[in-house]
Amino acid sequence: MNYALKVYGTYRSSSNGFDLIQLDLMETEKVNQLCQDLKPDIIVWSLAGKKDEVLLSEIGLSNILKNTFPHVRFIYISTTFSSDGNQKEDYLPNPVSENEYLADYVNGKIIGENLTRTKQNHVIIRTGQIFGFYVEGKPDIRMKRLLAQKNSGCNFNRTANNQISIIHVEDLAKCILELCFNDFIGTMNIASEIPLSHFSFYKLLADMMHIDDGFIIPEYDDYPQNTVLDVSKCMSVLKTRVRDFI
């Protein structure tokens, strides 16, 4: 598929050397002015703030949705919410208590999804765990963590009896691009069809970095998690094929 596009990207504190527009989405007047200047046809919300996700949604996201033209296609990148395996798109998560792990992030994404549904021309993407190298070839945050553990000389214990969905960042980008130009509206799970355990996932990352994985040790949880996404809709609607890694 070939697209004639003019793409603008934003950053808040570091552009990593790319030609991006510096913007704090909490500064609503500047955001509104930028939208008026650029007049975008498509907006992709790919922000994630582990400690300020609720504010990003309630202020930044809410402002953009209220002040963009009705025709603008809005694509919101959400997350995986813990539930029974084979989670379908109609699963509606409940807010978690403030003392739970990643509570602000999870609650902020729930708010973000609800706000996005108020816009007619929208797509909500729930993804598996995103991995892959950055554009300049640098390892992602999980790879960096894995490499640091190897360099420490210590074993790295990962749960082998759980199930998680994953997706390579390049596959996700291709799916987003396709969704920019089709007529799908609603929520879509996007991930590899075959899930992995955390143990298998980190062995995959080691293989991608061409390092020995002998220090990655399997462990078994008494209450293993299963956050696998049902990707049947993605496979039936999109032409883009998401790769499996097994």
C-alpha atoms as a PDB file:
ATOM      1  CA  MET A   1       0.000   0.000   0.000  1.00  0.00           C
ATOM      2  CA  ASN A   2       1.296   3.431  -0.982  1.00  0.00           C
ATOM      3  CA  TYR A   3       0.198   6.580   0.804  1.00  0.00           C
ATOM      4  CA  ALA A   4       0.937  10.245   0.065  1.00  0.00           C
ATOM      5  CA  LEU A   5       1.242  11.697   3.545  1.00  0.00           C
ATOM      6  CA  LYS A   6       2.575  14.696   5.377  1.00  0.00           C
ATOM      7  CA  VAL A   7       3.292  13.487   8.892  1.00  0.00           C
ATOM      8  CA  TYR A   8       3.951  15.623  11.962  1.00  0.00           C
ATOM      9  CA  GLY A   9       5.207  14.214  15.249  1.00  0.00           C
ATOM     10  CA  THR A  10       5.411  15.841  18.661  1.00  0.00           C
ATOM     11  CA  TYR A  11       7.592  15.447  21.717  1.00  0.00           C
ATOM     12  CA  ARG A  12       7.575  16.910  25.174  1.00  0.00           C
ATOM     13  CA  SER A  13      11.170  16.911  26.463  1.00  0.00           C
ATOM     14  CA  SER A  14      13.442  14.992  24.061  1.00  0.00           C
ATOM     15  CA  SER A  15      13.131  14.507  20.306  1.00  0.00           C
ATOM     16  CA  ASN A  16      16.057  12.050  20.075  1.00  0.00           C
ATOM     17  CA  GLY A  17      17.400  14.090  17.178  1.00  0.00           C
ATOM     18  CA  PHE A  18      14.317  13.779  14.979  1.00  0.00           C
ATOM     19  CA  ASP A  19      12.508  16.679  13.333  1.00  0.00           C
ATOM     20  CA  LEU A  20       9.539  16.875  15.684  1.00  0.00           C
ATOM     21  CA  ILE A  21       7.393  19.612  17.184  1.00  0.00           C
ATOM     22  CA  GLN A  22       7.900  20.310  20.877  1.00  0.00           C
ATOM     23  CA  LEU A  23       4.526  20.286  22.595  1.00  0.00           C
ATOM     24  CA  ASP A  24       3.134  19.741  26.074  1.00  0.00           C
ATOM     25  CA  LEU A  25      -0.418  18.453  25.638  1.00  0.00           C
ATOM     26  CA  MET A  26      -1.345  19.891  29.011  1.00  0.00           C
ATOM     27  CA  GLU A  27      -0.839  23.383  27.524  1.00  0.00           C
ATOM     28  CA  THR A  28      -4.230  23.371  25.873  1.00  0.00           C
ATOM     29  CA  GLU A  29      -4.060  26.763  24.141  1.00  0.00           C
ATOM     30  CA  LYS A  30      -0.821  25.820  22.344  1.00  0.00           C
ATOM     31  CA  VAL A  31      -2.330  22.486  21.354  1.00  0.00           C
ATOM     32  CA  ASN A  32      -5.435  24.166  19.944  1.00  0.00           C
ATOM     33  CA  GLN A  33      -3.331  26.653  17.985  1.00  0.00           C
ATOM     34  CA  LEU A  34      -1.239  23.850  16.491  1.00  0.00           C
ATOM     35  CA  CYS A  35      -4.369  21.974  15.430  1.00  0.00           C
ATOM     36  CA  GLN A  36      -5.702  25.147  13.783  1.00  0.00           C
ATOM     37  CA  ASP A  37      -2.401  25.683  11.959  1.00  0.00           C
ATOM     38  CA  LEU A  38      -1.921  22.096  10.748  1.00  0.00           C
ATOM     39  CA  LYS A  39      -5.584  21.150  10.209  1.00  0.00           C
ATOM     40  CA  PRO A  40      -4.904  17.412  10.550  1.00  0.00           C
ATOM     41  CA  ASP A  41      -7.122  14.800   8.910  1.00  0.00           C
ATOM     42  CA  ILE A  42      -5.857  12.046  11.230  1.00  0.00           C
ATOM     43  CA  ILE A  43      -4.567  12.182  14.804  1.00  0.00           C
ATOM     44  CA  VAL A  44      -2.820   9.222  16.430  1.00  0.00           C
ATOM     45  CA  TRP A  45      -2.641   9.367  20.238  1.00  0.00           C
ATOM     46  CA  SER A  46       0.334   7.220  21.270  1.00  0.00           C
ATOM     47  CA  LEU A  47       1.227   8.801  24.607  1.00  0.00           C
ATOM     48  CA  ALA A  48       1.737   6.836  27.790  1.00  0.00           C
ATOM     49  CA  GLY A  49       2.399   8.308  31.212  1.00  0.00           C
ATOM     50  CA  LYS A  50       2.705   5.781  34.007  1.00  0.00           C
ATOM     51  CA  LYS A  51       2.288   8.386  36.731  1.00  0.00           C
ATOM     52  CA  ASP A  52       0.137  11.018  35.016  1.00  0.00           C
ATOM     53  CA  GLU A  53      -2.060   9.063  32.617  1.00  0.00           C
ATOM     54  CA  VAL A  54      -5.280  10.211  34.303  1.00  0.00           C
ATOM     55  CA  LEU A  55      -4.369  13.905  33.919  1.00  0.00           C
ATOM     56  CA  LEU A  56      -3.229  13.359  30.328  1.00  0.00           C
ATOM     57  CA  SER A  57      -6.648  11.922  29.547  1.00  0.00           C
ATOM     58  CA  GLU A  58      -8.798  14.320  31.554  1.00  0.00           C
ATOM     59  CA  ILE A  59      -7.010  17.456  30.313  1.00  0.00           C
ATOM     60  CA  GLY A  60      -4.893  16.780  27.223  1.00  0.00           C
ATOM     61  CA  LEU A  61      -6.994  14.153  25.468  1.00  0.00           C
ATOM     62  CA  SER A  62     -10.316  15.736  26.399  1.00  0.00           C
ATOM     63  CA  ASN A  63      -9.156  19.067  24.974  1.00  0.00           C
ATOM     64  CA  ILE A  64      -8.078  17.600  21.633  1.00  0.00           C
ATOM     65  CA  LEU A  65     -11.300  15.664  21.201  1.00  0.00           C
ATOM     66  CA  LYS A  66     -13.400  18.757  21.912  1.00  0.00           C
ATOM     67  CA  ASN A  67     -11.443  21.083  19.652  1.00  0.00           C
ATOM     68  CA  THR A  68     -10.777  19.060  16.493  1.00  0.00           C
ATOM     69  CA  PHE A  69     -13.117  19.036  13.527  1.00  0.00           C
ATOM     70  CA  PRO A  70     -15.762  16.290  13.430  1.00  0.00           C
ATOM     71  CA  HIS A  71     -14.270  14.686  10.299  1.00  0.00           C
ATOM     72  CA  VAL A  72     -10.857  14.099  11.916  1.00  0.00           C
ATOM     73  CA  ARG A  73     -10.088  10.403  12.307  1.00  0.00           C
ATOM     74  CA  PHE A  74      -8.823   9.779  15.844  1.00  0.00           C
ATOM     75  CA  ILE A  75      -6.755   6.687  16.647  1.00  0.00           C
ATOM     76  CA  TYR A  76      -6.149   6.021  20.334  1.00  0.00           C
ATOM     77  CA  ILE A  77      -3.447   3.557  21.407  1.00  0.00           C
ATOM     78  CA  SER A  78      -4.660   1.869  24.579  1.00  0.00           C
ATOM     79  CA  THR A  79      -3.305  -1.162  26.426  1.00  0.00           C
ATOM     80  CA  THR A  80      -4.059  -4.711  27.523  1.00  0.00           C
ATOM     81  CA  PHE A  81      -6.323  -4.963  30.560  1.00  0.00           C
ATOM     82  CA  SER A  82      -5.963  -8.020  32.795  1.00  0.00           C
ATOM     83  CA  SER A  83      -8.846 -10.441  32.476  1.00  0.00           C
ATOM     84  CA  ASP A  84      -9.483 -14.036  31.561  1.00  0.00           C
ATOM     85  CA  GLY A  85      -7.612 -15.242  28.496  1.00  0.00           C
ATOM     86  CA  ASN A  86      -8.763 -14.524  24.938  1.00  0.00           C
ATOM     87  CA  GLN A  87      -9.996 -11.068  25.916  1.00  0.00           C
ATOM     88  CA  LYS A  88     -12.362  -9.701  23.269  1.00  0.00           C
ATOM     89  CA  GLU A  89     -12.916  -6.094  22.283  1.00  0.00           C
ATOM     90  CA  ASP A  90     -16.216  -5.854  24.149  1.00  0.00           C
ATOM     91  CA  TYR A  91     -14.428  -6.373  27.481  1.00  0.00           C
ATOM     92  CA  LEU A  92     -14.963  -3.245  29.606  1.00  0.00           C
ATOM     93  CA  PRO A  93     -12.389  -2.994  32.401  1.00  0.00           C
ATOM     94  CA  ASN A  94     -13.189  -1.612  35.834  1.00  0.00           C
ATOM     95  CA  PRO A  95     -10.987   1.055  37.450  1.00  0.00           C
ATOM     96  CA  VAL A  96      -8.411  -0.288  39.894  1.00  0.00           C
ATOM     97  CA  SER A  97      -7.655   1.007  43.390  1.00  0.00           C
ATOM     98  CA  GLU A  98      -4.914   3.594  43.785  1.00  0.00           C
ATOM     99  CA  ASN A  99      -2.568   1.223  45.610  1.00  0.00           C
ATOM    100  CA  GLU A 100      -2.528  -1.369  42.825  1.00  0.00           C
ATOM    101  CA  TYR A 101       0.370  -1.727  40.366  1.00  0.00           C
ATOM    102  CA  LEU A 102       0.223   0.850  37.527  1.00  0.00           C
ATOM    103  CA  ALA A 103      -3.126   2.106  38.849  1.00  0.00           C
ATOM    104  CA  ASP A 104      -2.834   5.592  37.334  1.00  0.00           C
ATOM    105  CA  TYR A 105      -1.810   4.176  33.966  1.00  0.00           C
ATOM    106  CA  VAL A 106      -4.648   1.652  33.849  1.00  0.00           C
ATOM    107  CA  ASN A 107      -7.290   4.098  35.084  1.00  0.00           C
ATOM    108  CA  GLY A 108      -6.039   6.765  32.698  1.00  0.00           C
ATOM    109  CA  LYS A 109      -6.354   4.396  29.734  1.00  0.00           C
ATOM    110  CA  ILE A 110      -9.908   3.498  30.807  1.00  0.00           C
ATOM    111  CA  ILE A 111     -10.787   7.199  30.898  1.00  0.00           C
ATOM    112  CA  GLY A 112      -9.041   7.677  27.561  1.00  0.00           C
ATOM    113  CA  GLU A 113     -11.032   4.913  25.900  1.00  0.00           C
ATOM    114  CA  ASN A 114     -14.316   6.316  27.212  1.00  0.00           C
ATOM    115  CA  LEU A 115     -13.468   9.811  25.972  1.00  0.00           C
ATOM    116  CA  THR A 116     -12.396   8.513  22.563  1.00  0.00           C
ATOM    117  CA  ARG A 117     -15.725   6.716  22.097  1.00  0.00           C
ATOM    118  CA  THR A 118     -17.477  10.097  22.172  1.00  0.00           C
ATOM    119  CA  LYS A 119     -15.883  10.932  18.817  1.00  0.00           C
ATOM    120  CA  GLN A 120     -17.700   9.332  15.910  1.00  0.00           C
ATOM    121  CA  ASN A 121     -14.712   8.660  13.637  1.00  0.00           C
ATOM    122  CA  HIS A 122     -12.481   6.813  16.081  1.00  0.00           C
ATOM    123  CA  VAL A 123     -10.390   3.677  16.522  1.00  0.00           C
ATOM    124  CA  ILE A 124      -9.236   2.298  19.874  1.00  0.00           C
ATOM    125  CA  ILE A 125      -6.294  -0.093  19.600  1.00  0.00           C
ATOM    126  CA  ARG A 126      -5.574  -2.504  22.443  1.00  0.00           C
ATOM    127  CA  THR A 127      -2.126  -3.955  21.918  1.00  0.00           C
ATOM    128  CA  GLY A 128      -0.018  -6.731  23.272  1.00  0.00           C
ATOM    129  CA  GLN A 129       3.342  -5.878  24.840  1.00  0.00           C
ATOM    130  CA  ILE A 130       5.169  -3.760  22.259  1.00  0.00           C
ATOM    131  CA  PHE A 131       8.811  -4.580  21.521  1.00  0.00           C
ATOM    132  CA  GLY A 132      11.505  -3.925  18.936  1.00  0.00           C
ATOM    133  CA  PHE A 133      14.390  -1.623  18.151  1.00  0.00           C
ATOM    134  CA  TYR A 134      13.996   2.131  17.904  1.00  0.00           C
ATOM    135  CA  VAL A 135      14.342   3.781  14.478  1.00  0.00           C
ATOM    136  CA  GLU A 136      18.042   4.457  15.062  1.00  0.00           C
ATOM    137  CA  GLY A 137      18.629   0.810  15.984  1.00  0.00           C
ATOM    138  CA  LYS A 138      18.794   1.244  19.746  1.00  0.00           C
ATOM    139  CA  PRO A 139      17.222  -1.472  21.943  1.00  0.00           C
ATOM    140  CA  ASP A 140      13.884  -0.812  23.599  1.00  0.00           C
ATOM    141  CA  ILE A 141      13.441  -0.484  27.354  1.00  0.00           C
ATOM    142  CA  ARG A 142      12.916  -4.219  27.944  1.00  0.00           C
ATOM    143  CA  MET A 143      16.012  -5.085  25.928  1.00  0.00           C
ATOM    144  CA  LYS A 144      18.030  -2.558  27.915  1.00  0.00           C
ATOM    145  CA  ARG A 145      16.800  -4.117  31.148  1.00  0.00           C
ATOM    146  CA  LEU A 146      17.691  -7.580  29.886  1.00  0.00           C
ATOM    147  CA  LEU A 147      21.180  -6.500  28.803  1.00  0.00           C
ATOM    148  CA  ALA A 148      21.824  -4.797  32.148  1.00  0.00           C
ATOM    149  CA  GLN A 149      20.829  -8.003  33.943  1.00  0.00           C
ATOM    150  CA  LYS A 150      23.189 -10.058  31.796  1.00  0.00           C
ATOM    151  CA  ASN A 151      26.053  -7.626  32.423  1.00  0.00           C
ATOM    152  CA  SER A 152      25.416  -7.847  36.161  1.00  0.00           C
ATOM    153  CA  GLY A 153      26.269 -11.563  36.076  1.00  0.00           C
ATOM    154  CA  CYS A 154      23.014 -12.482  37.833  1.00  0.00           C
ATOM    155  CA  ASN A 155      20.269 -14.787  36.664  1.00  0.00           C
ATOM    156  CA  PHE A 156      17.035 -13.294  35.349  1.00  0.00           C
ATOM    157  CA  ASN A 157      13.941 -15.177  36.537  1.00  0.00           C
ATOM    158  CA  ARG A 158      10.874 -14.942  34.303  1.00  0.00           C
ATOM    159  CA  THR A 159       7.507 -16.658  34.713  1.00  0.00           C
ATOM    160  CA  ALA A 160       7.099 -19.604  32.344  1.00  0.00           C
ATOM    161  CA  ASN A 161       3.505 -20.634  33.085  1.00  0.00           C
ATOM    162  CA  ASN A 162       1.735 -17.385  32.167  1.00  0.00           C
ATOM    163  CA  GLN A 163       0.427 -16.199  28.809  1.00  0.00           C
ATOM    164  CA  ILE A 164       0.819 -12.717  27.304  1.00  0.00           C
ATOM    165  CA  SER A 165       0.155 -11.123  23.927  1.00  0.00           C
ATOM    166  CA  ILE A 166       3.021  -9.376  22.147  1.00  0.00           C
ATOM    167  CA  ILE A 167       3.501  -7.302  19.002  1.00  0.00           C
ATOM    168  CA  HIS A 168       6.567  -6.045  17.155  1.00  0.00           C
ATOM    169  CA  VAL A 169       6.544  -2.252  16.886  1.00  0.00           C
ATOM    170  CA  GLU A 170       6.954  -2.381  13.098  1.00  0.00           C
ATOM    171  CA  ASP A 171       3.850  -4.554  12.742  1.00  0.00           C
ATOM    172  CA  LEU A 172       1.879  -2.220  14.993  1.00  0.00           C
ATOM    173  CA  ALA A 173       2.957   0.784  12.914  1.00  0.00           C
ATOM    174  CA  LYS A 174       1.793  -0.912   9.698  1.00  0.00           C
ATOM    175  CA  CYS A 175      -1.573  -1.740  11.273  1.00  0.00           C
ATOM    176  CA  ILE A 176      -2.020   1.853  12.448  1.00  0.00           C
ATOM    177  CA  LEU A 177      -1.216   3.113   8.966  1.00  0.00           C
ATOM    178  CA  GLU A 178      -3.821   0.817   7.435  1.00  0.00           C
ATOM    179  CA  LEU A 179      -6.407   1.889  10.013  1.00  0.00           C
ATOM    180  CA  CYS A 180      -5.800   5.528   9.079  1.00  0.00           C
ATOM    181  CA  PHE A 181      -7.368   4.909   5.700  1.00  0.00           C
ATOM    182  CA  ASN A 182     -10.051   2.267   6.074  1.00  0.00           C
ATOM    183  CA  ASP A 183     -13.585   2.692   7.365  1.00  0.00           C
ATOM    184  CA  PHE A 184     -13.309   0.644  10.561  1.00  0.00           C
ATOM    185  CA  ILE A 185     -14.766   2.337  13.644  1.00  0.00           C
ATOM    186  CA  GLY A 186     -14.563   0.913  17.151  1.00  0.00           C
ATOM    187  CA  THR A 187     -12.107  -1.100  19.219  1.00  0.00           C
ATOM    188  CA  MET A 188      -9.597  -3.576  17.825  1.00  0.00           C
ATOM    189  CA  ASN A 189      -7.127  -5.903  19.540  1.00  0.00           C
ATOM    190  CA  ILE A 190      -3.808  -6.002  17.676  1.00  0.00           C
ATOM    191  CA  ALA A 191      -1.174  -8.571  18.620  1.00  0.00           C
ATOM    192  CA  SER A 192       0.486 -11.770  17.473  1.00  0.00           C
ATOM    193  CA  GLU A 193      -1.954 -14.660  17.267  1.00  0.00           C
ATOM    194  CA  ILE A 194       0.316 -16.995  19.257  1.00  0.00           C
ATOM    195  CA  PRO A 195       0.996 -15.767  22.826  1.00  0.00           C
ATOM    196  CA  LEU A 196       4.212 -16.283  24.767  1.00  0.00           C
ATOM    197  CA  SER A 197       5.142 -16.605  28.421  1.00  0.00           C
ATOM    198  CA  HIS A 198       7.316 -13.927  30.004  1.00  0.00           C
ATOM    199  CA  PHE A 199      10.128 -16.478  29.968  1.00  0.00           C
ATOM    200  CA  SER A 200       9.758 -17.161  26.226  1.00  0.00           C
ATOM    201  CA  PHE A 201       9.331 -13.462  25.500  1.00  0.00           C
ATOM    202  CA  TYR A 202      12.631 -12.502  27.121  1.00  0.00           C
ATOM    203  CA  LYS A 203      14.414 -15.372  25.381  1.00  0.00           C
ATOM    204  CA  LEU A 204      13.081 -13.881  22.135  1.00  0.00           C
ATOM    205  CA  LEU A 205      14.517 -10.476  23.069  1.00  0.00           C
ATOM    206  CA  ALA A 206      17.884 -12.065  23.839  1.00  0.00           C
ATOM    207  CA  ASP A 207      17.859 -13.737  20.437  1.00  0.00           C
ATOM    208  CA  MET A 208      17.069 -10.410  18.730  1.00  0.00           C
ATOM    209  CA  MET A 209      20.111  -8.854  20.433  1.00  0.00           C
ATOM    210  CA  HIS A 210      22.281 -11.903  19.621  1.00  0.00           C
ATOM    211  CA  ILE A 211      23.214 -12.547  23.250  1.00  0.00           C
ATOM    212  CA  ASP A 212      23.335 -15.858  25.091  1.00  0.00           C
ATOM    213  CA  ASP A 213      20.081 -16.514  26.968  1.00  0.00           C
ATOM    214  CA  GLY A 214      21.399 -19.001  29.514  1.00  0.00           C
ATOM    215  CA  PHE A 215      20.983 -16.504  32.352  1.00  0.00           C
ATOM    216  CA  ILE A 216      17.203 -16.309  31.763  1.00  0.00           C
ATOM    217  CA  ILE A 217      15.716 -18.829  34.193  1.00  0.00           C
ATOM    218  CA  PRO A 218      12.108 -20.079  34.184  1.00  0.00           C
ATOM    219  CA  GLU A 219      10.034 -19.791  37.338  1.00  0.00           C
ATOM    220  CA  TYR A 220       6.462 -20.881  37.999  1.00  0.00           C
ATOM    221  CA  ASP A 221       3.832 -18.726  39.640  1.00  0.00           C
ATOM    222  CA  ASP A 222       1.142 -20.249  41.860  1.00  0.00           C
ATOM    223  CA  TYR A 223      -1.322 -17.844  40.225  1.00  0.00           C
ATOM    224  CA  PRO A 224      -0.077 -17.279  36.662  1.00  0.00           C
ATOM    225  CA  GLN A 225      -1.575 -14.419  34.701  1.00  0.00           C
ATOM    226  CA  ASN A 226      -3.291 -14.719  31.351  1.00  0.00           C
ATOM    227  CA  THR A 227      -3.709 -11.431  29.461  1.00  0.00           C
ATOM    228  CA  VAL A 228      -4.022 -12.873  25.966  1.00  0.00           C
ATOM    229  CA  LEU A 229      -6.002 -10.845  23.437  1.00  0.00           C
ATOM    230  CA  ASP A 230      -8.467 -12.345  20.990  1.00  0.00           C
ATOM    231  CA  VAL A 231      -7.149 -11.061  17.632  1.00  0.00           C
ATOM    232  CA  SER A 232      -9.748 -12.627  15.340  1.00  0.00           C
ATOM    233  CA  LYS A 233     -11.190  -9.197  14.423  1.00  0.00           C
ATOM    234  CA  CYS A 234      -7.759  -7.864  13.504  1.00  0.00           C
ATOM    235  CA  MET A 235      -7.079 -10.888  11.321  1.00  0.00           C
ATOM    236  CA  SER A 236     -10.408 -10.595   9.518  1.00  0.00           C
ATOM    237  CA  VAL A 237     -10.478  -6.809   9.011  1.00  0.00           C
ATOM    238  CA  LEU A 238      -6.856  -5.868   8.292  1.00  0.00           C
ATOM    239  CA  LYS A 239      -4.746  -6.843   5.311  1.00  0.00           C
ATOM    240  CA  THR A 240      -1.610  -6.307   7.396  1.00  0.00           C
ATOM    241  CA  ARG A 241      -0.397  -9.574   8.898  1.00  0.00           C
ATOM    242  CA  VAL A 242       1.023  -9.468  12.407  1.00  0.00           C
ATOM    243  CA  ARG A 243       3.969 -11.839  12.817  1.00  0.00           C
ATOM    244  CA  ASP A 244       4.147 -14.686  15.325  1.00  0.00           C
ATOM    245  CA  PHE A 245       7.431 -15.339  17.145  1.00  0.00           C
ATOM    246  CA  ILE A 246       7.522 -19.009  18.028  1.00  0.00           C
END
